[in-house]
Amino acid sequence: ADADAILEAAAPAIAANLFATAGILADLDFRLTATDAVIVHPADRTPDRLVATTRAAWTPSTILSVFADAADLPPTHPASGKRPVDDLPTAYVCHGETCSLPVTDPDTLAMLLRDPRSA
């Protein structure tokens, strides 16, 4: 009911600014549905297989972030502080403020990217 009241109150502004409203709604949709595949790898190991898996499952709301050191992530990022597992390139699939458990297997990563609820 509150959302309906907000939209009703904003209706005149929405009608007067269709393009701006469309942009804001697109941004909101991206923020709510984006999948952030964060790949962290040791400096001496390339993450090529995990990167290729992520690219194969790409959608317009997929973000691919690759770091040799997760310390490069801002502290507010859900994957901040994540590290490679067993000295292997490791992926974390993040939705909103939550990330999956670490994944080192491309097939498991593909499953997580296909079905966000499994993350």
PDB file of N, CA and C in Angstrom:
ATOM      1  N   ALA A   1       0.818  -1.189   0.000  1.00  0.00           N
ATOM      2  CA  ALA A   1       0.000   0.000   0.000  1.00  0.00           C
ATOM      3  C   ALA A   1       0.864   1.256   0.000  1.00  0.00           C
ATOM      4  N   ASP A   2       1.954   1.248   0.755  1.00  0.00           N
ATOM      5  CA  ASP A   2       2.838   2.411   0.783  1.00  0.00           C
ATOM      6  C   ASP A   2       3.464   2.662  -0.585  1.00  0.00           C
ATOM      7  N   ALA A   3       3.856   1.582  -1.265  1.00  0.00           N
ATOM      8  CA  ALA A   3       4.455   1.733  -2.589  1.00  0.00           C
ATOM      9  C   ALA A   3       3.451   2.325  -3.569  1.00  0.00           C
ATOM     10  N   ASP A   4       2.198   1.895  -3.481  1.00  0.00           N
ATOM     11  CA  ASP A   4       1.156   2.449  -4.346  1.00  0.00           C
ATOM     12  C   ASP A   4       0.974   3.941  -4.089  1.00  0.00           C
ATOM     13  N   ALA A   5       0.990   4.333  -2.829  1.00  0.00           N
ATOM     14  CA  ALA A   5       0.829   5.751  -2.484  1.00  0.00           C
ATOM     15  C   ALA A   5       1.999   6.575  -3.007  1.00  0.00           C
ATOM     16  N   ILE A   6       3.199   6.017  -2.936  1.00  0.00           N
ATOM     17  CA  ILE A   6       4.377   6.728  -3.442  1.00  0.00           C
ATOM     18  C   ILE A   6       4.266   6.914  -4.950  1.00  0.00           C
ATOM     19  N   LEU A   7       3.894   5.846  -5.661  1.00  0.00           N
ATOM     20  CA  LEU A   7       3.753   5.950  -7.117  1.00  0.00           C
ATOM     21  C   LEU A   7       2.647   6.917  -7.504  1.00  0.00           C
ATOM     22  N   GLU A   8       1.556   6.881  -6.785  1.00  0.00           N
ATOM     23  CA  GLU A   8       0.453   7.800  -7.073  1.00  0.00           C
ATOM     24  C   GLU A   8       0.893   9.250  -6.867  1.00  0.00           C
ATOM     25  N   ALA A   9       1.617   9.505  -5.804  1.00  0.00           N
ATOM     26  CA  ALA A   9       2.093  10.864  -5.536  1.00  0.00           C
ATOM     27  C   ALA A   9       3.121  11.309  -6.573  1.00  0.00           C
ATOM     28  N   ALA A  10       3.896  10.356  -7.086  1.00  0.00           N
ATOM     29  CA  ALA A  10       4.944  10.692  -8.048  1.00  0.00           C
ATOM     30  C   ALA A  10       4.451  10.699  -9.493  1.00  0.00           C
ATOM     31  N   ALA A  11       3.227  10.286  -9.748  1.00  0.00           N
ATOM     32  CA  ALA A  11       2.707  10.155 -11.110  1.00  0.00           C
ATOM     33  C   ALA A  11       2.893  11.402 -11.961  1.00  0.00           C
ATOM     34  N   PRO A  12       2.596  12.600 -11.471  1.00  0.00           N
ATOM     35  CA  PRO A  12       2.801  13.782 -12.315  1.00  0.00           C
ATOM     36  C   PRO A  12       4.272  13.979 -12.706  1.00  0.00           C
ATOM     37  N   ALA A  13       5.175  13.743 -11.777  1.00  0.00           N
ATOM     38  CA  ALA A  13       6.606  13.894 -12.082  1.00  0.00           C
ATOM     39  C   ALA A  13       7.067  12.816 -13.056  1.00  0.00           C
ATOM     40  N   ILE A  14       6.539  11.605 -12.902  1.00  0.00           N
ATOM     41  CA  ILE A  14       6.891  10.514 -13.813  1.00  0.00           C
ATOM     42  C   ILE A  14       6.433  10.851 -15.225  1.00  0.00           C
ATOM     43  N   ALA A  15       5.208  11.326 -15.374  1.00  0.00           N
ATOM     44  CA  ALA A  15       4.675  11.677 -16.693  1.00  0.00           C
ATOM     45  C   ALA A  15       5.469  12.807 -17.335  1.00  0.00           C
ATOM     46  N   ALA A  16       5.961  13.725 -16.534  1.00  0.00           N
ATOM     47  CA  ALA A  16       6.717  14.860 -17.065  1.00  0.00           C
ATOM     48  C   ALA A  16       8.169  14.501 -17.381  1.00  0.00           C
ATOM     49  N   ASN A  17       8.671  13.393 -16.848  1.00  0.00           N
ATOM     50  CA  ASN A  17      10.087  13.020 -17.013  1.00  0.00           C
ATOM     51  C   ASN A  17      10.216  11.537 -17.356  1.00  0.00           C
ATOM     52  N   LEU A  18       9.614  11.130 -18.464  1.00  0.00           N
ATOM     53  CA  LEU A  18       9.599   9.708 -18.811  1.00  0.00           C
ATOM     54  C   LEU A  18      10.995   9.120 -18.970  1.00  0.00           C
ATOM     55  N   PHE A  19      11.894   9.825 -19.652  1.00  0.00           N
ATOM     56  CA  PHE A  19      13.223   9.268 -19.892  1.00  0.00           C
ATOM     57  C   PHE A  19      14.018   9.150 -18.602  1.00  0.00           C
ATOM     58  N   ALA A  20      13.940  10.155 -17.763  1.00  0.00           N
ATOM     59  CA  ALA A  20      14.640  10.093 -16.477  1.00  0.00           C
ATOM     60  C   ALA A  20      14.068   8.971 -15.617  1.00  0.00           C
ATOM     61  N   THR A  21      12.760   8.833 -15.620  1.00  0.00           N
ATOM     62  CA  THR A  21      12.124   7.773 -14.835  1.00  0.00           C
ATOM     63  C   THR A  21      12.544   6.400 -15.348  1.00  0.00           C
ATOM     64  N   ALA A  22      12.594   6.239 -16.665  1.00  0.00           N
ATOM     65  CA  ALA A  22      13.022   4.961 -17.239  1.00  0.00           C
ATOM     66  C   ALA A  22      14.446   4.636 -16.813  1.00  0.00           C
ATOM     67  N   GLY A  23      15.308   5.633 -16.806  1.00  0.00           N
ATOM     68  CA  GLY A  23      16.687   5.419 -16.371  1.00  0.00           C
ATOM     69  C   GLY A  23      16.774   5.020 -14.913  1.00  0.00           C
ATOM     70  N   ILE A  24      16.011   5.682 -14.078  1.00  0.00           N
ATOM     71  CA  ILE A  24      16.008   5.358 -12.646  1.00  0.00           C
ATOM     72  C   ILE A  24      15.484   3.942 -12.420  1.00  0.00           C
ATOM     73  N   LEU A  25      14.416   3.571 -13.134  1.00  0.00           N
ATOM     74  CA  LEU A  25      13.867   2.223 -12.980  1.00  0.00           C
ATOM     75  C   LEU A  25      14.840   1.162 -13.488  1.00  0.00           C
ATOM     76  N   ALA A  26      15.559   1.457 -14.575  1.00  0.00           N
ATOM     77  CA  ALA A  26      16.563   0.517 -15.072  1.00  0.00           C
ATOM     78  C   ALA A  26      17.687   0.343 -14.051  1.00  0.00           C
ATOM     79  N   ASP A  27      18.116   1.442 -13.449  1.00  0.00           N
ATOM     80  CA  ASP A  27      19.150   1.366 -12.410  1.00  0.00           C
ATOM     81  C   ASP A  27      18.672   0.559 -11.209  1.00  0.00           C
ATOM     82  N   LEU A  28      17.433   0.776 -10.807  1.00  0.00           N
ATOM     83  CA  LEU A  28      16.877   0.038  -9.676  1.00  0.00           C
ATOM     84  C   LEU A  28      16.805  -1.451  -9.994  1.00  0.00           C
ATOM     85  N   ASP A  29      16.356  -1.786 -11.196  1.00  0.00           N
ATOM     86  CA  ASP A  29      16.287  -3.187 -11.602  1.00  0.00           C
ATOM     87  C   ASP A  29      17.667  -3.826 -11.558  1.00  0.00           C
ATOM     88  N   PHE A  30      18.669  -3.122 -12.081  1.00  0.00           N
ATOM     89  CA  PHE A  30      20.035  -3.653 -12.077  1.00  0.00           C
ATOM     90  C   PHE A  30      20.517  -3.860 -10.646  1.00  0.00           C
ATOM     91  N   ARG A  31      20.263  -2.897  -9.782  1.00  0.00           N
ATOM     92  CA  ARG A  31      20.699  -2.993  -8.383  1.00  0.00           C
ATOM     93  C   ARG A  31      20.048  -4.174  -7.675  1.00  0.00           C
ATOM     94  N   LEU A  32      18.793  -4.442  -7.995  1.00  0.00           N
ATOM     95  CA  LEU A  32      18.071  -5.516  -7.314  1.00  0.00           C
ATOM     96  C   LEU A  32      18.336  -6.896  -7.898  1.00  0.00           C
ATOM     97  N   THR A  33      18.751  -6.971  -9.171  1.00  0.00           N
ATOM     98  CA  THR A  33      18.893  -8.275  -9.822  1.00  0.00           C
ATOM     99  C   THR A  33      20.315  -8.621 -10.235  1.00  0.00           C
ATOM    100  N   ALA A  34      21.268  -7.739 -10.032  1.00  0.00           N
ATOM    101  CA  ALA A  34      22.634  -7.985 -10.502  1.00  0.00           C
ATOM    102  C   ALA A  34      23.269  -9.178  -9.797  1.00  0.00           C
ATOM    103  N   THR A  35      24.075  -9.897 -10.557  1.00  0.00           N
ATOM    104  CA  THR A  35      24.898 -10.979 -10.038  1.00  0.00           C
ATOM    105  C   THR A  35      26.343 -10.542 -10.192  1.00  0.00           C
ATOM    106  N   ASP A  36      27.076 -10.508  -9.102  1.00  0.00           N
ATOM    107  CA  ASP A  36      28.482 -10.111  -9.129  1.00  0.00           C
ATOM    108  C   ASP A  36      29.321 -11.359  -8.933  1.00  0.00           C
ATOM    109  N   ALA A  37      29.991 -11.795  -9.996  1.00  0.00           N
ATOM    110  CA  ALA A  37      30.897 -12.935  -9.904  1.00  0.00           C
ATOM    111  C   ALA A  37      32.284 -12.381  -9.595  1.00  0.00           C
ATOM    112  N   VAL A  38      32.728 -12.569  -8.373  1.00  0.00           N
ATOM    113  CA  VAL A  38      34.022 -12.062  -7.927  1.00  0.00           C
ATOM    114  C   VAL A  38      35.004 -13.222  -7.942  1.00  0.00           C
ATOM    115  N   ILE A  39      36.065 -13.071  -8.719  1.00  0.00           N
ATOM    116  CA  ILE A  39      37.083 -14.115  -8.798  1.00  0.00           C
ATOM    117  C   ILE A  39      38.357 -13.575  -8.168  1.00  0.00           C
ATOM    118  N   VAL A  40      38.847 -14.304  -7.183  1.00  0.00           N
ATOM    119  CA  VAL A  40      40.068 -13.940  -6.478  1.00  0.00           C
ATOM    120  C   VAL A  40      41.088 -15.025  -6.792  1.00  0.00           C
ATOM    121  N   HIS A  41      42.293 -14.614  -7.161  1.00  0.00           N
ATOM    122  CA  HIS A  41      43.284 -15.630  -7.511  1.00  0.00           C
ATOM    123  C   HIS A  41      44.657 -15.259  -6.970  1.00  0.00           C
ATOM    124  N   PRO A  42      45.473 -16.287  -6.676  1.00  0.00           N
ATOM    125  CA  PRO A  42      46.855 -16.007  -6.304  1.00  0.00           C
ATOM    126  C   PRO A  42      47.566 -15.368  -7.492  1.00  0.00           C
ATOM    127  N   ALA A  43      48.536 -14.534  -7.229  1.00  0.00           N
ATOM    128  CA  ALA A  43      49.227 -13.810  -8.304  1.00  0.00           C
ATOM    129  C   ALA A  43      49.851 -14.750  -9.328  1.00  0.00           C
ATOM    130  N   ASP A  44      50.248 -15.944  -8.912  1.00  0.00           N
ATOM    131  CA  ASP A  44      50.927 -16.862  -9.828  1.00  0.00           C
ATOM    132  C   ASP A  44      49.984 -17.867 -10.494  1.00  0.00           C
ATOM    133  N   ARG A  45      48.675 -17.729 -10.318  1.00  0.00           N
ATOM    134  CA  ARG A  45      47.697 -18.645 -10.917  1.00  0.00           C
ATOM    135  C   ARG A  45      46.683 -17.847 -11.720  1.00  0.00           C
ATOM    136  N   THR A  46      46.469 -18.225 -12.969  1.00  0.00           N
ATOM    137  CA  THR A  46      45.499 -17.496 -13.786  1.00  0.00           C
ATOM    138  C   THR A  46      44.089 -18.063 -13.568  1.00  0.00           C
ATOM    139  N   PRO A  47      43.097 -17.194 -13.545  1.00  0.00           N
ATOM    140  CA  PRO A  47      41.718 -17.633 -13.308  1.00  0.00           C
ATOM    141  C   PRO A  47      40.946 -17.903 -14.595  1.00  0.00           C
ATOM    142  N   ASP A  48      41.648 -18.267 -15.675  1.00  0.00           N
ATOM    143  CA  ASP A  48      41.027 -18.356 -17.001  1.00  0.00           C
ATOM    144  C   ASP A  48      39.771 -19.228 -17.050  1.00  0.00           C
ATOM    145  N   ARG A  49      39.783 -20.391 -16.404  1.00  0.00           N
ATOM    146  CA  ARG A  49      38.624 -21.292 -16.485  1.00  0.00           C
ATOM    147  C   ARG A  49      37.402 -20.680 -15.799  1.00  0.00           C
ATOM    148  N   LEU A  50      37.596 -20.040 -14.660  1.00  0.00           N
ATOM    149  CA  LEU A  50      36.466 -19.417 -13.961  1.00  0.00           C
ATOM    150  C   LEU A  50      35.957 -18.194 -14.726  1.00  0.00           C
ATOM    151  N   VAL A  51      36.874 -17.443 -15.312  1.00  0.00           N
ATOM    152  CA  VAL A  51      36.473 -16.279 -16.117  1.00  0.00           C
ATOM    153  C   VAL A  51      35.673 -16.745 -17.332  1.00  0.00           C
ATOM    154  N   ALA A  52      36.145 -17.783 -18.021  1.00  0.00           N
ATOM    155  CA  ALA A  52      35.436 -18.299 -19.199  1.00  0.00           C
ATOM    156  C   ALA A  52      34.042 -18.811 -18.817  1.00  0.00           C
ATOM    157  N   THR A  53      33.933 -19.470 -17.683  1.00  0.00           N
ATOM    158  CA  THR A  53      32.632 -19.963 -17.215  1.00  0.00           C
ATOM    159  C   THR A  53      31.678 -18.808 -16.958  1.00  0.00           C
ATOM    160  N   THR A  54      32.178 -17.759 -16.319  1.00  0.00           N
ATOM    161  CA  THR A  54      31.339 -16.592 -16.038  1.00  0.00           C
ATOM    162  C   THR A  54      30.907 -15.918 -17.332  1.00  0.00           C
ATOM    163  N   ARG A  55      31.818 -15.778 -18.264  1.00  0.00           N
ATOM    164  CA  ARG A  55      31.468 -15.146 -19.544  1.00  0.00           C
ATOM    165  C   ARG A  55      30.448 -15.972 -20.311  1.00  0.00           C
ATOM    166  N   ALA A  56      30.542 -17.292 -20.225  1.00  0.00           N
ATOM    167  CA  ALA A  56      29.589 -18.160 -20.930  1.00  0.00           C
ATOM    168  C   ALA A  56      28.183 -18.037 -20.339  1.00  0.00           C
ATOM    169  N   ALA A  57      28.093 -17.709 -19.062  1.00  0.00           N
ATOM    170  CA  ALA A  57      26.790 -17.581 -18.396  1.00  0.00           C
ATOM    171  C   ALA A  57      26.337 -16.127 -18.314  1.00  0.00           C
ATOM    172  N   TRP A  58      26.999 -15.241 -19.011  1.00  0.00           N
ATOM    173  CA  TRP A  58      26.760 -13.801 -18.906  1.00  0.00           C
ATOM    174  C   TRP A  58      25.322 -13.435 -19.243  1.00  0.00           C
ATOM    175  N   THR A  59      24.792 -12.499 -18.485  1.00  0.00           N
ATOM    176  CA  THR A  59      23.514 -11.859 -18.778  1.00  0.00           C
ATOM    177  C   THR A  59      23.744 -10.354 -18.639  1.00  0.00           C
ATOM    178  N   PRO A  60      22.810  -9.531 -19.079  1.00  0.00           N
ATOM    179  CA  PRO A  60      23.002  -8.085 -18.928  1.00  0.00           C
ATOM    180  C   PRO A  60      23.143  -7.629 -17.473  1.00  0.00           C
ATOM    181  N   SER A  61      22.763  -8.469 -16.527  1.00  0.00           N
ATOM    182  CA  SER A  61      22.899  -8.069 -15.124  1.00  0.00           C
ATOM    183  C   SER A  61      24.044  -8.795 -14.415  1.00  0.00           C
ATOM    184  N   THR A  62      25.006  -9.298 -15.198  1.00  0.00           N
ATOM    185  CA  THR A  62      26.171  -9.970 -14.618  1.00  0.00           C
ATOM    186  C   THR A  62      27.348  -9.010 -14.564  1.00  0.00           C
ATOM    187  N   ILE A  63      27.985  -8.971 -13.411  1.00  0.00           N
ATOM    188  CA  ILE A  63      29.205  -8.188 -13.233  1.00  0.00           C
ATOM    189  C   ILE A  63      30.330  -9.181 -12.987  1.00  0.00           C
ATOM    190  N   LEU A  64      31.415  -9.075 -13.729  1.00  0.00           N
ATOM    191  CA  LEU A  64      32.582  -9.929 -13.522  1.00  0.00           C
ATOM    192  C   LEU A  64      33.696  -9.072 -12.948  1.00  0.00           C
ATOM    193  N   SER A  65      34.161  -9.439 -11.774  1.00  0.00           N
ATOM    194  CA  SER A  65      35.247  -8.719 -11.113  1.00  0.00           C
ATOM    195  C   SER A  65      36.360  -9.713 -10.823  1.00  0.00           C
ATOM    196  N   VAL A  66      37.570  -9.403 -11.277  1.00  0.00           N
ATOM    197  CA  VAL A  66      38.705 -10.306 -11.077  1.00  0.00           C
ATOM    198  C   VAL A  66      39.794  -9.557 -10.318  1.00  0.00           C
ATOM    199  N   PHE A  67      40.259 -10.158  -9.231  1.00  0.00           N
ATOM    200  CA  PHE A  67      41.264  -9.529  -8.385  1.00  0.00           C
ATOM    201  C   PHE A  67      42.374 -10.515  -8.061  1.00  0.00           C
ATOM    202  N   ALA A  68      43.624 -10.044  -8.168  1.00  0.00           N
ATOM    203  CA  ALA A  68      44.751 -10.857  -7.717  1.00  0.00           C
ATOM    204  C   ALA A  68      44.819 -10.826  -6.196  1.00  0.00           C
ATOM    205  N   ASP A  69      44.167  -9.844  -5.608  1.00  0.00           N
ATOM    206  CA  ASP A  69      44.141  -9.729  -4.151  1.00  0.00           C
ATOM    207  C   ASP A  69      42.823  -9.086  -3.754  1.00  0.00           C
ATOM    208  N   ALA A  70      42.023  -9.788  -2.992  1.00  0.00           N
ATOM    209  CA  ALA A  70      40.714  -9.256  -2.598  1.00  0.00           C
ATOM    210  C   ALA A  70      40.842  -8.044  -1.697  1.00  0.00           C
ATOM    211  N   ALA A  71      42.044  -7.759  -1.245  1.00  0.00           N
ATOM    212  CA  ALA A  71      42.239  -6.552  -0.435  1.00  0.00           C
ATOM    213  C   ALA A  71      41.941  -5.307  -1.265  1.00  0.00           C
ATOM    214  N   ASP A  72      41.924  -5.465  -2.601  1.00  0.00           N
ATOM    215  CA  ASP A  72      41.617  -4.341  -3.481  1.00  0.00           C
ATOM    216  C   ASP A  72      40.136  -3.965  -3.439  1.00  0.00           C
ATOM    217  N   LEU A  73      39.301  -4.842  -2.902  1.00  0.00           N
ATOM    218  CA  LEU A  73      37.867  -4.555  -2.834  1.00  0.00           C
ATOM    219  C   LEU A  73      37.580  -3.539  -1.734  1.00  0.00           C
ATOM    220  N   PRO A  74      36.620  -2.657  -1.985  1.00  0.00           N
ATOM    221  CA  PRO A  74      36.253  -1.724  -0.914  1.00  0.00           C
ATOM    222  C   PRO A  74      35.656  -2.494   0.262  1.00  0.00           C
ATOM    223  N   PRO A  75      35.831  -1.993   1.471  1.00  0.00           N
ATOM    224  CA  PRO A  75      35.336  -2.722   2.642  1.00  0.00           C
ATOM    225  C   PRO A  75      33.822  -2.921   2.644  1.00  0.00           C
ATOM    226  N   THR A  76      33.097  -2.129   1.875  1.00  0.00           N
ATOM    227  CA  THR A  76      31.638  -2.274   1.826  1.00  0.00           C
ATOM    228  C   THR A  76      31.179  -3.355   0.854  1.00  0.00           C
ATOM    229  N   HIS A  77      32.084  -3.879   0.018  1.00  0.00           N
ATOM    230  CA  HIS A  77      31.716  -4.915  -0.944  1.00  0.00           C
ATOM    231  C   HIS A  77      31.489  -6.230  -0.206  1.00  0.00           C
ATOM    232  N   PRO A  78      30.441  -6.986  -0.582  1.00  0.00           N
ATOM    233  CA  PRO A  78      30.169  -8.243   0.123  1.00  0.00           C
ATOM    234  C   PRO A  78      31.321  -9.247   0.057  1.00  0.00           C
ATOM    235  N   ALA A  79      32.159  -9.172  -0.979  1.00  0.00           N
ATOM    236  CA  ALA A  79      33.273 -10.118  -1.103  1.00  0.00           C
ATOM    237  C   ALA A  79      34.566  -9.578  -0.498  1.00  0.00           C
ATOM    238  N   SER A  80      34.490  -8.455   0.166  1.00  0.00           N
ATOM    239  CA  SER A  80      35.682  -7.882   0.790  1.00  0.00           C
ATOM    240  C   SER A  80      36.308  -8.889   1.748  1.00  0.00           C
ATOM    241  N   GLY A  81      37.613  -9.063   1.625  1.00  0.00           N
ATOM    242  CA  GLY A  81      38.322  -9.975   2.519  1.00  0.00           C
ATOM    243  C   GLY A  81      38.299 -11.426   2.087  1.00  0.00           C
ATOM    244  N   LYS A  82      37.627 -11.745   0.993  1.00  0.00           N
ATOM    245  CA  LYS A  82      37.595 -13.131   0.524  1.00  0.00           C
ATOM    246  C   LYS A  82      38.969 -13.486  -0.037  1.00  0.00           C
ATOM    247  N   ARG A  83      39.345 -14.719   0.120  1.00  0.00           N
ATOM    248  CA  ARG A  83      40.664 -15.178  -0.291  1.00  0.00           C
ATOM    249  C   ARG A  83      40.542 -16.424  -1.168  1.00  0.00           C
ATOM    250  N   PRO A  84      41.591 -16.703  -1.954  1.00  0.00           N
ATOM    251  CA  PRO A  84      41.614 -17.958  -2.702  1.00  0.00           C
ATOM    252  C   PRO A  84      41.620 -19.149  -1.736  1.00  0.00           C
ATOM    253  N   VAL A  85      41.005 -20.232  -2.162  1.00  0.00           N
ATOM    254  CA  VAL A  85      40.958 -21.455  -1.363  1.00  0.00           C
ATOM    255  C   VAL A  85      42.011 -22.421  -1.892  1.00  0.00           C
ATOM    256  N   ASP A  86      42.806 -22.982  -1.007  1.00  0.00           N
ATOM    257  CA  ASP A  86      43.838 -23.969  -1.370  1.00  0.00           C
ATOM    258  C   ASP A  86      44.752 -23.467  -2.481  1.00  0.00           C
ATOM    259  N   ASP A  87      45.038 -22.179  -2.478  1.00  0.00           N
ATOM    260  CA  ASP A  87      45.928 -21.561  -3.466  1.00  0.00           C
ATOM    261  C   ASP A  87      45.412 -21.733  -4.901  1.00  0.00           C
ATOM    262  N   LEU A  88      44.083 -21.810  -5.065  1.00  0.00           N
ATOM    263  CA  LEU A  88      43.450 -21.934  -6.381  1.00  0.00           C
ATOM    264  C   LEU A  88      42.638 -20.681  -6.680  1.00  0.00           C
ATOM    265  N   PRO A  89      42.474 -20.343  -7.965  1.00  0.00           N
ATOM    266  CA  PRO A  89      41.529 -19.277  -8.296  1.00  0.00           C
ATOM    267  C   PRO A  89      40.157 -19.650  -7.729  1.00  0.00           C
ATOM    268  N   THR A  90      39.507 -18.704  -7.097  1.00  0.00           N
ATOM    269  CA  THR A  90      38.276 -18.968  -6.360  1.00  0.00           C
ATOM    270  C   THR A  90      37.222 -17.929  -6.719  1.00  0.00           C
ATOM    271  N   ALA A  91      36.001 -18.385  -6.934  1.00  0.00           N
ATOM    272  CA  ALA A  91      34.902 -17.472  -7.262  1.00  0.00           C
ATOM    273  C   ALA A  91      33.935 -17.385  -6.091  1.00  0.00           C
ATOM    274  N   TYR A  92      33.364 -16.200  -5.946  1.00  0.00           N
ATOM    275  CA  TYR A  92      32.280 -15.941  -5.005  1.00  0.00           C
ATOM    276  C   TYR A  92      31.166 -15.292  -5.815  1.00  0.00           C
ATOM    277  N   VAL A  93      29.972 -15.848  -5.779  1.00  0.00           N
ATOM    278  CA  VAL A  93      28.840 -15.290  -6.515  1.00  0.00           C
ATOM    279  C   VAL A  93      28.008 -14.484  -5.522  1.00  0.00           C
ATOM    280  N   CYS A  94      27.920 -13.186  -5.787  1.00  0.00           N
ATOM    281  CA  CYS A  94      27.257 -12.285  -4.840  1.00  0.00           C
ATOM    282  C   CYS A  94      25.956 -11.747  -5.427  1.00  0.00           C
ATOM    283  N   HIS A  95      24.943 -11.699  -4.575  1.00  0.00           N
ATOM    284  CA  HIS A  95      23.645 -11.100  -4.900  1.00  0.00           C
ATOM    285  C   HIS A  95      23.324 -10.152  -3.768  1.00  0.00           C
ATOM    286  N   GLY A  96      23.101  -8.900  -4.098  1.00  0.00           N
ATOM    287  CA  GLY A  96      22.835  -7.931  -3.040  1.00  0.00           C
ATOM    288  C   GLY A  96      24.016  -7.843  -2.101  1.00  0.00           C
ATOM    289  N   GLU A  97      23.786  -8.096  -0.848  1.00  0.00           N
ATOM    290  CA  GLU A  97      24.836  -7.995   0.165  1.00  0.00           C
ATOM    291  C   GLU A  97      25.341  -9.357   0.623  1.00  0.00           C
ATOM    292  N   THR A  98      25.024 -10.412  -0.125  1.00  0.00           N
ATOM    293  CA  THR A  98      25.372 -11.767   0.286  1.00  0.00           C
ATOM    294  C   THR A  98      26.158 -12.469  -0.805  1.00  0.00           C
ATOM    295  N   CYS A  99      27.218 -13.189  -0.409  1.00  0.00           N
ATOM    296  CA  CYS A  99      28.019 -13.958  -1.359  1.00  0.00           C
ATOM    297  C   CYS A  99      27.918 -15.446  -1.048  1.00  0.00           C
ATOM    298  N   SER A 100      28.115 -16.244  -2.094  1.00  0.00           N
ATOM    299  CA  SER A 100      28.112 -17.697  -1.938  1.00  0.00           C
ATOM    300  C   SER A 100      29.353 -18.141  -1.173  1.00  0.00           C
ATOM    301  N   LEU A 101      29.364 -19.401  -0.848  1.00  0.00           N
ATOM    302  CA  LEU A 101      30.587 -20.011  -0.341  1.00  0.00           C
ATOM    303  C   LEU A 101      31.604 -20.015  -1.477  1.00  0.00           C
ATOM    304  N   PRO A 102      32.883 -20.168  -1.175  1.00  0.00           N
ATOM    305  CA  PRO A 102      33.892 -20.163  -2.237  1.00  0.00           C
ATOM    306  C   PRO A 102      33.725 -21.348  -3.187  1.00  0.00           C
ATOM    307  N   VAL A 103      34.004 -21.085  -4.463  1.00  0.00           N
ATOM    308  CA  VAL A 103      33.870 -22.094  -5.512  1.00  0.00           C
ATOM    309  C   VAL A 103      35.156 -22.105  -6.325  1.00  0.00           C
ATOM    310  N   THR A 104      35.739 -23.292  -6.511  1.00  0.00           N
ATOM    311  CA  THR A 104      36.943 -23.405  -7.338  1.00  0.00           C
ATOM    312  C   THR A 104      36.689 -24.218  -8.601  1.00  0.00           C
ATOM    313  N   ASP A 105      35.539 -24.866  -8.684  1.00  0.00           N
ATOM    314  CA  ASP A 105      35.195 -25.727  -9.810  1.00  0.00           C
ATOM    315  C   ASP A 105      34.315 -24.978 -10.812  1.00  0.00           C
ATOM    316  N   PRO A 106      34.705 -24.932 -12.094  1.00  0.00           N
ATOM    317  CA  PRO A 106      33.897 -24.215 -13.092  1.00  0.00           C
ATOM    318  C   PRO A 106      32.462 -24.731 -13.222  1.00  0.00           C
ATOM    319  N   ASP A 107      32.242 -26.035 -13.087  1.00  0.00           N
ATOM    320  CA  ASP A 107      30.878 -26.569 -13.208  1.00  0.00           C
ATOM    321  C   ASP A 107      29.984 -26.085 -12.069  1.00  0.00           C
ATOM    322  N   THR A 108      30.533 -26.035 -10.871  1.00  0.00           N
ATOM    323  CA  THR A 108      29.766 -25.526  -9.729  1.00  0.00           C
ATOM    324  C   THR A 108      29.487 -24.043  -9.902  1.00  0.00           C
ATOM    325  N   LEU A 109      30.469 -23.311 -10.410  1.00  0.00           N
ATOM    326  CA  LEU A 109      30.272 -21.882 -10.674  1.00  0.00           C
ATOM    327  C   LEU A 109      29.160 -21.683 -11.697  1.00  0.00           C
ATOM    328  N   ALA A 110      29.164 -22.476 -12.756  1.00  0.00           N
ATOM    329  CA  ALA A 110      28.120 -22.362 -13.784  1.00  0.00           C
ATOM    330  C   ALA A 110      26.739 -22.592 -13.177  1.00  0.00           C
ATOM    331  N   MET A 111      26.626 -23.573 -12.274  1.00  0.00           N
ATOM    332  CA  MET A 111      25.344 -23.842 -11.623  1.00  0.00           C
ATOM    333  C   MET A 111      24.906 -22.638 -10.786  1.00  0.00           C
ATOM    334  N   LEU A 112      25.824 -22.044 -10.039  1.00  0.00           N
ATOM    335  CA  LEU A 112      25.487 -20.878  -9.223  1.00  0.00           C
ATOM    336  C   LEU A 112      25.050 -19.698 -10.081  1.00  0.00           C
ATOM    337  N   LEU A 113      25.684 -19.521 -11.217  1.00  0.00           N
ATOM    338  CA  LEU A 113      25.340 -18.404 -12.096  1.00  0.00           C
ATOM    339  C   LEU A 113      23.994 -18.624 -12.785  1.00  0.00           C
ATOM    340  N   ARG A 114      23.664 -19.880 -13.077  1.00  0.00           N
ATOM    341  CA  ARG A 114      22.369 -20.189 -13.710  1.00  0.00           C
ATOM    342  C   ARG A 114      21.213 -20.038 -12.737  1.00  0.00           C
ATOM    343  N   ASP A 115      21.429 -20.429 -11.487  1.00  0.00           N
ATOM    344  CA  ASP A 115      20.352 -20.432 -10.496  1.00  0.00           C
ATOM    345  C   ASP A 115      20.769 -19.613  -9.283  1.00  0.00           C
ATOM    346  N   PRO A 116      20.449 -18.324  -9.271  1.00  0.00           N
ATOM    347  CA  PRO A 116      20.885 -17.457  -8.179  1.00  0.00           C
ATOM    348  C   PRO A 116      20.431 -17.931  -6.801  1.00  0.00           C
ATOM    349  N   ARG A 117      19.334 -18.663  -6.734  1.00  0.00           N
ATOM    350  CA  ARG A 117      18.857 -19.131  -5.426  1.00  0.00           C
ATOM    351  C   ARG A 117      19.772 -20.177  -4.822  1.00  0.00           C
ATOM    352  N   SER A 118      20.622 -20.812  -5.646  1.00  0.00           N
ATOM    353  CA  SER A 118      21.510 -21.843  -5.112  1.00  0.00           C
ATOM    354  C   SER A 118      22.760 -21.245  -4.478  1.00  0.00           C
ATOM    355  N   ALA A 119      22.962 -19.947  -4.657  1.00  0.00           N
ATOM    356  CA  ALA A 119      24.167 -19.307  -4.101  1.00  0.00           C
ATOM    357  C   ALA A 119      24.051 -19.117  -2.610  1.00  0.00           C
TER     358      ALA A 119
END
